[in-house]
Amino acid sequence: MLTQANGSNPIADALDKMSYDYLSTAFPDLVIAIDQEVSTGSSPERLRFITQRHVGADRENLALRVEQAARYMRKRQQVMA
């Protein structure tokens, strides 16, 4: 995966934001829960695993969107800190 000098990947960053925007509209309660988990230090990968465990393999896309949105939210929190 190509990254810029500052360690970011613009395409991955945009996809993470797209997932955040999608979940914010479609599942706002889930975004609140993701925010709470990210604030307590949960990794995006852990949140994907939790989602997969609860929704099953047929909702793999939701689990991936949760991971991407969590990654976006964690980056935002780091910038604000």
C-alpha atoms as a PDB file:
ATOM      1  CA  MET A   1       0.000   0.000   0.000  1.00  0.00           C
ATOM      2  CA  LEU A   2       1.404   3.378  -0.936  1.00  0.00           C
ATOM      3  CA  THR A   3       1.454   6.081   1.697  1.00  0.00           C
ATOM      4  CA  GLN A   4       2.420   9.698   1.716  1.00  0.00           C
ATOM      5  CA  ALA A   5       5.414  10.959   3.671  1.00  0.00           C
ATOM      6  CA  ASN A   6       3.209  11.709   6.698  1.00  0.00           C
ATOM      7  CA  GLY A   7       2.046   8.059   6.787  1.00  0.00           C
ATOM      8  CA  SER A   8      -1.444   8.666   5.433  1.00  0.00           C
ATOM      9  CA  ASN A   9      -3.060   6.992   2.465  1.00  0.00           C
ATOM     10  CA  PRO A  10      -5.511   9.396   0.798  1.00  0.00           C
ATOM     11  CA  ILE A  11      -7.659   6.678  -0.796  1.00  0.00           C
ATOM     12  CA  ALA A  12      -7.920   4.637   2.406  1.00  0.00           C
ATOM     13  CA  ASP A  13      -8.636   7.831   4.348  1.00  0.00           C
ATOM     14  CA  ALA A  14     -11.434   8.750   1.926  1.00  0.00           C
ATOM     15  CA  LEU A  15     -12.936   5.255   2.145  1.00  0.00           C
ATOM     16  CA  ASP A  16     -12.801   5.403   5.948  1.00  0.00           C
ATOM     17  CA  LYS A  17     -14.653   8.726   5.876  1.00  0.00           C
ATOM     18  CA  MET A  18     -17.210   7.361   3.405  1.00  0.00           C
ATOM     19  CA  SER A  19     -17.973   4.513   5.789  1.00  0.00           C
ATOM     20  CA  TYR A  20     -18.287   6.966   8.665  1.00  0.00           C
ATOM     21  CA  ASP A  21     -20.682   9.127   6.632  1.00  0.00           C
ATOM     22  CA  TYR A  22     -22.726   6.088   5.570  1.00  0.00           C
ATOM     23  CA  LEU A  23     -23.037   4.731   9.103  1.00  0.00           C
ATOM     24  CA  SER A  24     -23.835   8.209  10.452  1.00  0.00           C
ATOM     25  CA  THR A  25     -26.837   8.344   8.146  1.00  0.00           C
ATOM     26  CA  ALA A  26     -27.958   4.700   8.131  1.00  0.00           C
ATOM     27  CA  PHE A  27     -27.057   3.621  11.680  1.00  0.00           C
ATOM     28  CA  PRO A  28     -26.519   6.675  13.919  1.00  0.00           C
ATOM     29  CA  ASP A  29     -26.772   4.628  17.134  1.00  0.00           C
ATOM     30  CA  LEU A  30     -23.966   2.418  15.881  1.00  0.00           C
ATOM     31  CA  VAL A  31     -21.759   5.471  15.287  1.00  0.00           C
ATOM     32  CA  ILE A  32     -22.370   6.583  18.876  1.00  0.00           C
ATOM     33  CA  ALA A  33     -21.331   3.129  20.095  1.00  0.00           C
ATOM     34  CA  ILE A  34     -18.228   3.143  17.866  1.00  0.00           C
ATOM     35  CA  ASP A  35     -17.276   6.559  19.247  1.00  0.00           C
ATOM     36  CA  GLN A  36     -17.595   5.270  22.807  1.00  0.00           C
ATOM     37  CA  GLU A  37     -15.467   2.219  22.014  1.00  0.00           C
ATOM     38  CA  VAL A  38     -12.797   4.237  20.199  1.00  0.00           C
ATOM     39  CA  SER A  39     -12.689   6.689  23.121  1.00  0.00           C
ATOM     40  CA  THR A  40     -11.886   3.832  25.498  1.00  0.00           C
ATOM     41  CA  GLY A  41      -9.074   2.577  23.275  1.00  0.00           C
ATOM     42  CA  SER A  42     -10.719  -0.205  21.267  1.00  0.00           C
ATOM     43  CA  SER A  43      -8.986  -0.808  17.953  1.00  0.00           C
ATOM     44  CA  PRO A  44     -10.863  -0.677  14.650  1.00  0.00           C
ATOM     45  CA  GLU A  45      -9.974  -4.341  14.111  1.00  0.00           C
ATOM     46  CA  ARG A  46     -11.525  -5.313  17.458  1.00  0.00           C
ATOM     47  CA  LEU A  47     -14.728  -3.466  16.559  1.00  0.00           C
ATOM     48  CA  ARG A  48     -14.896  -5.311  13.227  1.00  0.00           C
ATOM     49  CA  PHE A  49     -14.513  -8.619  15.062  1.00  0.00           C
ATOM     50  CA  ILE A  50     -17.242  -7.713  17.577  1.00  0.00           C
ATOM     51  CA  THR A  51     -19.553  -6.705  14.730  1.00  0.00           C
ATOM     52  CA  GLN A  52     -18.877  -9.914  12.795  1.00  0.00           C
ATOM     53  CA  ARG A  53     -19.582 -11.983  15.893  1.00  0.00           C
ATOM     54  CA  HIS A  54     -22.926 -10.261  16.452  1.00  0.00           C
ATOM     55  CA  VAL A  55     -24.262  -9.913  12.910  1.00  0.00           C
ATOM     56  CA  GLY A  56     -22.821 -12.995  11.234  1.00  0.00           C
ATOM     57  CA  ALA A  57     -21.013 -13.625   7.990  1.00  0.00           C
ATOM     58  CA  ASP A  58     -23.897 -12.369   5.856  1.00  0.00           C
ATOM     59  CA  ARG A  59     -23.225  -8.832   7.113  1.00  0.00           C
ATOM     60  CA  GLU A  60     -19.462  -8.789   6.462  1.00  0.00           C
ATOM     61  CA  ASN A  61     -19.790  -5.428   4.674  1.00  0.00           C
ATOM     62  CA  LEU A  62     -21.251  -3.860   7.818  1.00  0.00           C
ATOM     63  CA  ALA A  63     -18.331  -5.155   9.871  1.00  0.00           C
ATOM     64  CA  LEU A  64     -15.866  -3.700   7.363  1.00  0.00           C
ATOM     65  CA  ARG A  65     -17.667  -0.334   7.422  1.00  0.00           C
ATOM     66  CA  VAL A  66     -17.496  -0.368  11.239  1.00  0.00           C
ATOM     67  CA  GLU A  67     -13.741  -0.934  11.089  1.00  0.00           C
ATOM     68  CA  GLN A  68     -13.263   1.838   8.525  1.00  0.00           C
ATOM     69  CA  ALA A  69     -15.447   4.312  10.421  1.00  0.00           C
ATOM     70  CA  ALA A  70     -13.629   3.504  13.667  1.00  0.00           C
ATOM     71  CA  ARG A  71     -10.290   4.137  11.980  1.00  0.00           C
ATOM     72  CA  TYR A  72     -11.583   7.500  10.714  1.00  0.00           C
ATOM     73  CA  MET A  73     -12.942   8.435  14.141  1.00  0.00           C
ATOM     74  CA  ARG A  74      -9.698   7.432  15.885  1.00  0.00           C
ATOM     75  CA  LYS A  75      -7.686   9.626  13.507  1.00  0.00           C
ATOM     76  CA  ARG A  76     -10.033  12.555  14.191  1.00  0.00           C
ATOM     77  CA  GLN A  77      -9.627  12.087  17.943  1.00  0.00           C
ATOM     78  CA  GLN A  78      -5.840  11.999  17.603  1.00  0.00           C
ATOM     79  CA  VAL A  79      -5.868  15.255  15.631  1.00  0.00           C
ATOM     80  CA  MET A  80      -8.036  16.926  18.265  1.00  0.00           C
ATOM     81  CA  ALA A  81      -5.807  15.775  21.150  1.00  0.00           C
END
